[in-house]
């Protein structure tokens, strides 16, 4: 079942400067700061938006674990984040979650296949692509 936030909640998030800052941090690969910014929004959001925010937050934490050499933590958090995003619509708060889900699934497969805990196979694919702002209206 796809989680769909109400249009008012989604529009409020799309216009929240804290969300825009969190996206910038995520896109810049500043995983710890992105986590903090997303967590603040997550605590304040409605159920469907909480699912999306937590999924993105967990992907950020997975990347932080990956950078620190915590292979197991990276796999677990990427899987949990992807699982949450899989229950969301393809676009939320104006952002393309479908592309992020695809990239996250590729990274998860690479992480799971990796046997050397000092280097991550996901690095071969490059970093996760940034969240992409869709040119769509939020109804």
N, C-alpha and C. Protein backbone atom coordinates (compact mmCIF):
# COMPACT_ATOMS: atom_id res chain seq x y z
N UNK A 1 0.84 -1.17 0.00
CA UNK A 1 0.00 0.00 0.00
C UNK A 1 0.89 1.25 0.00
N UNK A 2 0.56 2.21 -0.84
CA UNK A 2 1.32 3.43 -0.95
C UNK A 2 0.84 4.46 0.06
N UNK A 3 1.76 5.00 0.80
CA UNK A 3 1.42 6.05 1.76
C UNK A 3 1.36 7.38 1.03
N UNK A 4 0.26 8.08 1.17
CA UNK A 4 0.10 9.36 0.50
C UNK A 4 -0.30 10.42 1.51
N UNK A 5 0.57 11.38 1.75
CA UNK A 5 0.22 12.43 2.69
C UNK A 5 -0.84 13.34 2.09
N UNK A 6 -1.56 14.02 2.94
CA UNK A 6 -2.54 14.98 2.47
C UNK A 6 -1.85 16.14 1.77
N UNK A 7 -2.55 16.78 0.85
CA UNK A 7 -1.92 17.86 0.09
C UNK A 7 -1.45 19.02 0.96
N UNK A 8 -2.18 19.33 2.01
CA UNK A 8 -1.76 20.45 2.86
C UNK A 8 -0.44 20.13 3.57
N UNK A 9 -0.35 18.94 4.13
CA UNK A 9 0.87 18.55 4.83
C UNK A 9 2.06 18.49 3.87
N UNK A 10 1.82 17.97 2.70
CA UNK A 10 2.89 17.85 1.71
C UNK A 10 3.34 19.24 1.24
N UNK A 11 2.41 20.13 1.02
CA UNK A 11 2.74 21.49 0.59
C UNK A 11 3.50 22.22 1.69
N UNK A 12 3.07 22.04 2.93
CA UNK A 12 3.78 22.68 4.05
C UNK A 12 5.23 22.20 4.12
N UNK A 13 5.44 20.90 3.96
CA UNK A 13 6.80 20.38 3.98
C UNK A 13 7.59 20.92 2.80
N UNK A 14 7.01 20.93 1.62
CA UNK A 14 7.70 21.41 0.43
C UNK A 14 8.16 22.85 0.58
N UNK A 15 7.44 23.65 1.35
CA UNK A 15 7.77 25.06 1.54
C UNK A 15 8.57 25.33 2.81
N UNK A 16 8.81 24.32 3.61
CA UNK A 16 9.52 24.50 4.87
C UNK A 16 11.02 24.67 4.59
N UNK A 17 11.60 25.79 5.00
CA UNK A 17 13.03 26.00 4.74
C UNK A 17 13.92 24.94 5.40
N UNK A 18 13.45 24.33 6.46
CA UNK A 18 14.23 23.26 7.10
C UNK A 18 14.30 22.03 6.20
N UNK A 19 13.23 21.73 5.47
CA UNK A 19 13.21 20.62 4.52
C UNK A 19 14.19 20.90 3.39
N UNK A 20 14.15 22.12 2.87
CA UNK A 20 15.05 22.48 1.78
C UNK A 20 16.50 22.40 2.23
N UNK A 21 16.77 22.82 3.47
CA UNK A 21 18.13 22.72 4.01
C UNK A 21 18.54 21.26 4.20
N UNK A 22 17.61 20.43 4.66
CA UNK A 22 17.90 19.00 4.85
C UNK A 22 18.22 18.34 3.51
N UNK A 23 17.46 18.68 2.48
CA UNK A 23 17.72 18.14 1.14
C UNK A 23 19.10 18.57 0.66
N UNK A 24 19.45 19.85 0.89
CA UNK A 24 20.78 20.33 0.49
C UNK A 24 21.88 19.56 1.21
N UNK A 25 21.70 19.31 2.50
CA UNK A 25 22.69 18.55 3.26
C UNK A 25 22.81 17.12 2.74
N UNK A 26 21.66 16.50 2.46
CA UNK A 26 21.65 15.14 1.93
C UNK A 26 22.37 15.11 0.58
N UNK A 27 22.02 16.05 -0.29
CA UNK A 27 22.62 16.09 -1.62
C UNK A 27 24.12 16.35 -1.58
N UNK A 28 24.57 17.06 -0.55
CA UNK A 28 25.99 17.36 -0.40
C UNK A 28 26.75 16.23 0.28
N UNK A 29 26.04 15.17 0.68
CA UNK A 29 26.70 14.05 1.34
C UNK A 29 27.09 14.36 2.77
N UNK A 30 26.46 15.33 3.37
CA UNK A 30 26.70 15.65 4.78
C UNK A 30 25.71 14.85 5.61
N UNK A 31 25.99 13.56 5.72
CA UNK A 31 25.03 12.59 6.22
C UNK A 31 24.60 12.84 7.67
N UNK A 32 25.54 13.17 8.52
CA UNK A 32 25.20 13.38 9.93
C UNK A 32 24.29 14.60 10.09
N UNK A 33 24.66 15.68 9.45
CA UNK A 33 23.85 16.90 9.52
C UNK A 33 22.49 16.69 8.86
N UNK A 34 22.47 15.96 7.76
CA UNK A 34 21.19 15.67 7.09
C UNK A 34 20.30 14.86 8.03
N UNK A 35 20.87 13.89 8.71
CA UNK A 35 20.12 13.09 9.67
C UNK A 35 19.48 13.98 10.72
N UNK A 36 20.26 14.88 11.31
CA UNK A 36 19.73 15.77 12.35
C UNK A 36 18.59 16.63 11.82
N UNK A 37 18.77 17.19 10.63
CA UNK A 37 17.75 18.06 10.05
C UNK A 37 16.48 17.27 9.72
N UNK A 38 16.63 16.09 9.18
CA UNK A 38 15.47 15.25 8.84
C UNK A 38 14.76 14.77 10.09
N UNK A 39 15.54 14.45 11.12
CA UNK A 39 14.94 13.95 12.35
C UNK A 39 14.02 14.99 12.99
N UNK A 40 14.43 16.24 12.96
CA UNK A 40 13.60 17.30 13.52
C UNK A 40 12.26 17.37 12.78
N UNK A 41 12.29 17.31 11.47
CA UNK A 41 11.07 17.33 10.67
C UNK A 41 10.24 16.08 10.91
N UNK A 42 10.92 14.95 11.04
CA UNK A 42 10.25 13.67 11.23
C UNK A 42 9.40 13.69 12.51
N UNK A 43 9.96 14.25 13.56
CA UNK A 43 9.23 14.31 14.83
C UNK A 43 7.95 15.15 14.74
N UNK A 44 7.91 16.11 13.83
CA UNK A 44 6.78 17.02 13.72
C UNK A 44 5.76 16.62 12.66
N UNK A 45 6.05 15.62 11.86
CA UNK A 45 5.24 15.35 10.67
C UNK A 45 4.10 14.36 10.90
N UNK A 46 3.18 14.34 9.93
CA UNK A 46 2.06 13.39 9.95
C UNK A 46 2.58 12.01 9.53
N UNK A 47 1.75 10.99 9.68
CA UNK A 47 2.16 9.59 9.49
C UNK A 47 2.80 9.33 8.13
N UNK A 48 2.16 9.73 7.03
CA UNK A 48 2.69 9.42 5.71
C UNK A 48 4.01 10.15 5.45
N UNK A 49 4.10 11.39 5.88
CA UNK A 49 5.36 12.12 5.71
C UNK A 49 6.43 11.57 6.64
N UNK A 50 6.04 11.09 7.80
CA UNK A 50 7.00 10.47 8.72
C UNK A 50 7.68 9.28 8.05
N UNK A 51 6.92 8.49 7.34
CA UNK A 51 7.45 7.32 6.64
C UNK A 51 8.51 7.74 5.63
N UNK A 52 8.20 8.75 4.82
CA UNK A 52 9.14 9.23 3.81
C UNK A 52 10.38 9.82 4.47
N UNK A 53 10.18 10.69 5.46
CA UNK A 53 11.31 11.34 6.12
C UNK A 53 12.21 10.32 6.82
N UNK A 54 11.61 9.34 7.47
CA UNK A 54 12.41 8.32 8.14
C UNK A 54 13.19 7.48 7.12
N UNK A 55 12.58 7.18 5.99
CA UNK A 55 13.28 6.42 4.95
C UNK A 55 14.51 7.16 4.44
N UNK A 56 14.36 8.44 4.15
CA UNK A 56 15.48 9.25 3.67
C UNK A 56 16.53 9.39 4.78
N UNK A 57 16.07 9.60 5.99
CA UNK A 57 16.95 9.71 7.15
C UNK A 57 17.79 8.42 7.29
N UNK A 58 17.16 7.28 7.16
CA UNK A 58 17.88 6.01 7.31
C UNK A 58 18.88 5.79 6.18
N UNK A 59 18.56 6.25 4.99
CA UNK A 59 19.53 6.16 3.89
C UNK A 59 20.74 7.03 4.19
N UNK A 60 20.51 8.22 4.74
CA UNK A 60 21.62 9.09 5.13
C UNK A 60 22.50 8.42 6.18
N UNK A 61 21.87 7.81 7.18
CA UNK A 61 22.64 7.14 8.23
C UNK A 61 23.39 5.93 7.66
N UNK A 62 22.79 5.23 6.71
CA UNK A 62 23.47 4.12 6.05
C UNK A 62 24.75 4.61 5.39
N UNK A 63 24.65 5.74 4.71
CA UNK A 63 25.83 6.29 4.04
C UNK A 63 26.90 6.69 5.07
N UNK A 64 26.48 7.21 6.20
CA UNK A 64 27.42 7.55 7.27
C UNK A 64 28.12 6.28 7.77
N UNK A 65 27.36 5.21 7.99
CA UNK A 65 27.96 3.93 8.40
C UNK A 65 28.93 3.43 7.35
N UNK A 66 28.55 3.55 6.08
CA UNK A 66 29.41 3.10 4.99
C UNK A 66 30.74 3.85 5.02
N UNK A 67 30.68 5.16 5.18
CA UNK A 67 31.90 5.97 5.22
C UNK A 67 32.80 5.59 6.40
N UNK A 68 32.18 5.16 7.50
CA UNK A 68 32.94 4.83 8.71
C UNK A 68 33.36 3.36 8.74
N UNK A 69 33.05 2.61 7.69
CA UNK A 69 33.45 1.22 7.61
C UNK A 69 32.55 0.25 8.35
N UNK A 70 31.38 0.68 8.76
CA UNK A 70 30.43 -0.20 9.45
C UNK A 70 29.51 -0.84 8.41
N UNK A 71 30.00 -1.91 7.82
CA UNK A 71 29.29 -2.59 6.74
C UNK A 71 27.91 -3.08 7.17
N UNK A 72 27.87 -3.73 8.31
CA UNK A 72 26.59 -4.30 8.79
C UNK A 72 25.57 -3.19 9.02
N UNK A 73 25.98 -2.12 9.67
CA UNK A 73 25.08 -1.00 9.92
C UNK A 73 24.60 -0.36 8.62
N UNK A 74 25.50 -0.25 7.64
CA UNK A 74 25.14 0.32 6.34
C UNK A 74 24.08 -0.53 5.65
N UNK A 75 24.25 -1.85 5.69
CA UNK A 75 23.28 -2.75 5.06
C UNK A 75 21.92 -2.65 5.75
N UNK A 76 21.92 -2.71 7.06
CA UNK A 76 20.66 -2.69 7.81
C UNK A 76 19.90 -1.39 7.56
N UNK A 77 20.59 -0.26 7.70
CA UNK A 77 19.91 1.03 7.55
C UNK A 77 19.47 1.29 6.12
N UNK A 78 20.27 0.87 5.13
CA UNK A 78 19.86 1.05 3.73
C UNK A 78 18.61 0.22 3.46
N UNK A 79 18.59 -1.01 3.97
CA UNK A 79 17.42 -1.86 3.78
C UNK A 79 16.17 -1.30 4.45
N UNK A 80 16.33 -0.80 5.67
CA UNK A 80 15.18 -0.22 6.38
C UNK A 80 14.69 1.05 5.69
N UNK A 81 15.62 1.90 5.26
CA UNK A 81 15.23 3.12 4.57
C UNK A 81 14.52 2.83 3.27
N UNK A 82 15.07 1.89 2.51
CA UNK A 82 14.45 1.51 1.25
C UNK A 82 13.07 0.90 1.48
N UNK A 83 12.94 0.07 2.51
CA UNK A 83 11.64 -0.52 2.82
C UNK A 83 10.59 0.54 3.11
N UNK A 84 10.98 1.58 3.82
CA UNK A 84 10.03 2.66 4.10
C UNK A 84 9.69 3.44 2.83
N UNK A 85 10.70 3.76 2.03
CA UNK A 85 10.44 4.51 0.80
C UNK A 85 9.62 3.70 -0.20
N UNK A 86 9.75 2.38 -0.16
CA UNK A 86 8.95 1.54 -1.06
C UNK A 86 7.46 1.65 -0.77
N UNK A 87 7.11 2.11 0.42
CA UNK A 87 5.70 2.26 0.79
C UNK A 87 5.19 3.67 0.52
N UNK A 88 6.03 4.52 -0.06
CA UNK A 88 5.66 5.90 -0.38
C UNK A 88 5.35 6.03 -1.87
N UNK A 89 4.71 7.12 -2.22
CA UNK A 89 4.44 7.39 -3.63
C UNK A 89 5.75 7.74 -4.33
N UNK A 90 5.72 7.83 -5.65
CA UNK A 90 6.93 8.13 -6.42
C UNK A 90 7.40 9.56 -6.25
N UNK A 91 6.50 10.46 -5.92
CA UNK A 91 6.83 11.87 -5.71
C UNK A 91 6.18 12.30 -4.40
N UNK A 92 6.95 12.97 -3.56
CA UNK A 92 6.41 13.49 -2.31
C UNK A 92 7.08 14.83 -2.02
N UNK A 93 6.30 15.78 -1.60
CA UNK A 93 6.77 17.14 -1.30
C UNK A 93 7.58 17.70 -2.47
N UNK A 94 7.20 17.29 -3.70
CA UNK A 94 7.86 17.78 -4.91
C UNK A 94 9.14 17.07 -5.27
N UNK A 95 9.52 16.01 -4.56
CA UNK A 95 10.78 15.33 -4.80
C UNK A 95 10.57 13.93 -5.36
N UNK A 96 11.52 13.52 -6.18
CA UNK A 96 11.48 12.25 -6.90
C UNK A 96 12.00 11.14 -6.00
N UNK A 97 11.09 10.38 -5.42
CA UNK A 97 11.49 9.26 -4.57
C UNK A 97 11.76 8.00 -5.38
N UNK A 98 11.17 7.90 -6.55
CA UNK A 98 11.38 6.73 -7.41
C UNK A 98 12.86 6.58 -7.77
N UNK A 99 13.50 7.68 -8.16
CA UNK A 99 14.92 7.64 -8.52
C UNK A 99 15.78 7.31 -7.31
N UNK A 100 15.45 7.88 -6.16
CA UNK A 100 16.19 7.58 -4.94
C UNK A 100 16.03 6.11 -4.56
N UNK A 101 14.81 5.57 -4.68
CA UNK A 101 14.59 4.15 -4.37
C UNK A 101 15.43 3.27 -5.28
N UNK A 102 15.49 3.59 -6.57
CA UNK A 102 16.28 2.80 -7.51
C UNK A 102 17.76 2.82 -7.12
N UNK A 103 18.28 4.01 -6.84
CA UNK A 103 19.70 4.12 -6.44
C UNK A 103 19.95 3.38 -5.13
N UNK A 104 19.03 3.53 -4.17
CA UNK A 104 19.20 2.86 -2.89
C UNK A 104 19.18 1.34 -3.04
N UNK A 105 18.34 0.84 -3.94
CA UNK A 105 18.30 -0.62 -4.14
C UNK A 105 19.60 -1.12 -4.76
N UNK A 106 20.19 -0.34 -5.65
CA UNK A 106 21.49 -0.72 -6.24
C UNK A 106 22.58 -0.70 -5.17
N UNK A 107 22.56 0.31 -4.33
CA UNK A 107 23.55 0.40 -3.25
C UNK A 107 23.36 -0.74 -2.26
N UNK A 108 22.12 -1.07 -1.95
CA UNK A 108 21.87 -2.16 -1.01
C UNK A 108 22.41 -3.48 -1.57
N UNK A 109 22.17 -3.73 -2.84
CA UNK A 109 22.68 -4.96 -3.46
C UNK A 109 24.21 -4.99 -3.41
N UNK A 110 24.85 -3.85 -3.67
CA UNK A 110 26.30 -3.79 -3.63
C UNK A 110 26.82 -3.99 -2.21
N UNK A 111 26.14 -3.38 -1.24
CA UNK A 111 26.54 -3.55 0.16
C UNK A 111 26.42 -5.01 0.59
N UNK A 112 25.33 -5.64 0.19
CA UNK A 112 25.11 -7.03 0.59
C UNK A 112 26.13 -7.96 -0.05
N UNK A 113 26.60 -7.62 -1.23
CA UNK A 113 27.57 -8.46 -1.93
C UNK A 113 29.00 -8.23 -1.44
N UNK A 114 29.21 -7.13 -0.77
CA UNK A 114 30.55 -6.75 -0.33
C UNK A 114 31.03 -7.67 0.80
N UNK A 115 32.25 -8.14 0.68
CA UNK A 115 32.81 -8.97 1.74
C UNK A 115 33.91 -8.25 2.52
N UNK A 116 34.55 -7.26 1.92
CA UNK A 116 35.61 -6.50 2.57
C UNK A 116 34.99 -5.35 3.34
N UNK A 117 35.09 -5.35 4.66
CA UNK A 117 34.45 -4.32 5.46
C UNK A 117 35.18 -2.98 5.44
N UNK A 118 36.37 -2.93 4.82
CA UNK A 118 37.08 -1.66 4.77
C UNK A 118 36.76 -0.86 3.51
N UNK A 119 36.15 -1.48 2.53
CA UNK A 119 35.79 -0.77 1.30
C UNK A 119 34.42 -1.27 0.87
N UNK A 120 33.64 -0.40 0.35
CA UNK A 120 32.26 -0.74 0.00
C UNK A 120 32.09 -0.78 -1.51
N UNK A 121 31.47 -1.85 -1.99
CA UNK A 121 31.23 -1.99 -3.42
C UNK A 121 30.33 -0.90 -3.95
N UNK A 122 29.50 -0.32 -3.09
CA UNK A 122 28.61 0.76 -3.54
C UNK A 122 29.41 1.94 -4.08
N UNK A 123 30.64 2.09 -3.62
CA UNK A 123 31.46 3.20 -4.09
C UNK A 123 31.73 3.09 -5.59
N UNK A 124 31.69 1.88 -6.14
CA UNK A 124 31.88 1.70 -7.57
C UNK A 124 30.77 2.38 -8.37
N UNK A 125 29.59 2.43 -7.80
CA UNK A 125 28.46 3.06 -8.46
C UNK A 125 28.42 4.56 -8.21
N UNK A 126 29.32 5.07 -7.41
CA UNK A 126 29.32 6.48 -7.05
C UNK A 126 28.35 6.72 -5.91
N UNK A 127 28.24 7.95 -5.47
CA UNK A 127 27.33 8.26 -4.37
C UNK A 127 25.89 8.15 -4.82
N UNK A 128 25.01 8.10 -3.85
CA UNK A 128 23.59 8.12 -4.19
C UNK A 128 23.30 9.41 -4.94
N UNK A 129 22.44 9.36 -5.93
CA UNK A 129 22.10 10.60 -6.62
C UNK A 129 21.31 11.50 -5.67
N UNK A 130 21.37 12.78 -5.90
CA UNK A 130 20.62 13.68 -5.02
C UNK A 130 19.12 13.51 -5.21
N UNK A 131 18.37 13.95 -4.23
CA UNK A 131 16.94 14.02 -4.39
C UNK A 131 16.68 15.05 -5.49
N UNK A 132 15.86 14.69 -6.43
CA UNK A 132 15.63 15.57 -7.57
C UNK A 132 14.26 16.21 -7.46
N UNK A 133 14.24 17.52 -7.56
CA UNK A 133 12.98 18.25 -7.51
C UNK A 133 12.21 18.02 -8.80
N UNK A 134 11.04 17.44 -8.69
CA UNK A 134 10.18 17.19 -9.84
C UNK A 134 9.45 18.47 -10.19
N UNK A 135 9.27 18.71 -11.45
CA UNK A 135 8.45 19.84 -11.87
C UNK A 135 7.02 19.38 -11.94
N UNK A 136 6.39 19.40 -10.80
CA UNK A 136 5.00 18.98 -10.73
C UNK A 136 4.30 19.83 -9.69
N UNK A 137 3.02 19.89 -9.80
CA UNK A 137 2.28 20.64 -8.78
C UNK A 137 1.83 19.67 -7.72
N UNK A 138 1.86 20.11 -6.50
CA UNK A 138 1.37 19.30 -5.38
C UNK A 138 -0.08 19.66 -5.18
N UNK A 139 -0.91 18.69 -5.37
CA UNK A 139 -2.36 18.93 -5.29
C UNK A 139 -2.83 18.88 -3.86
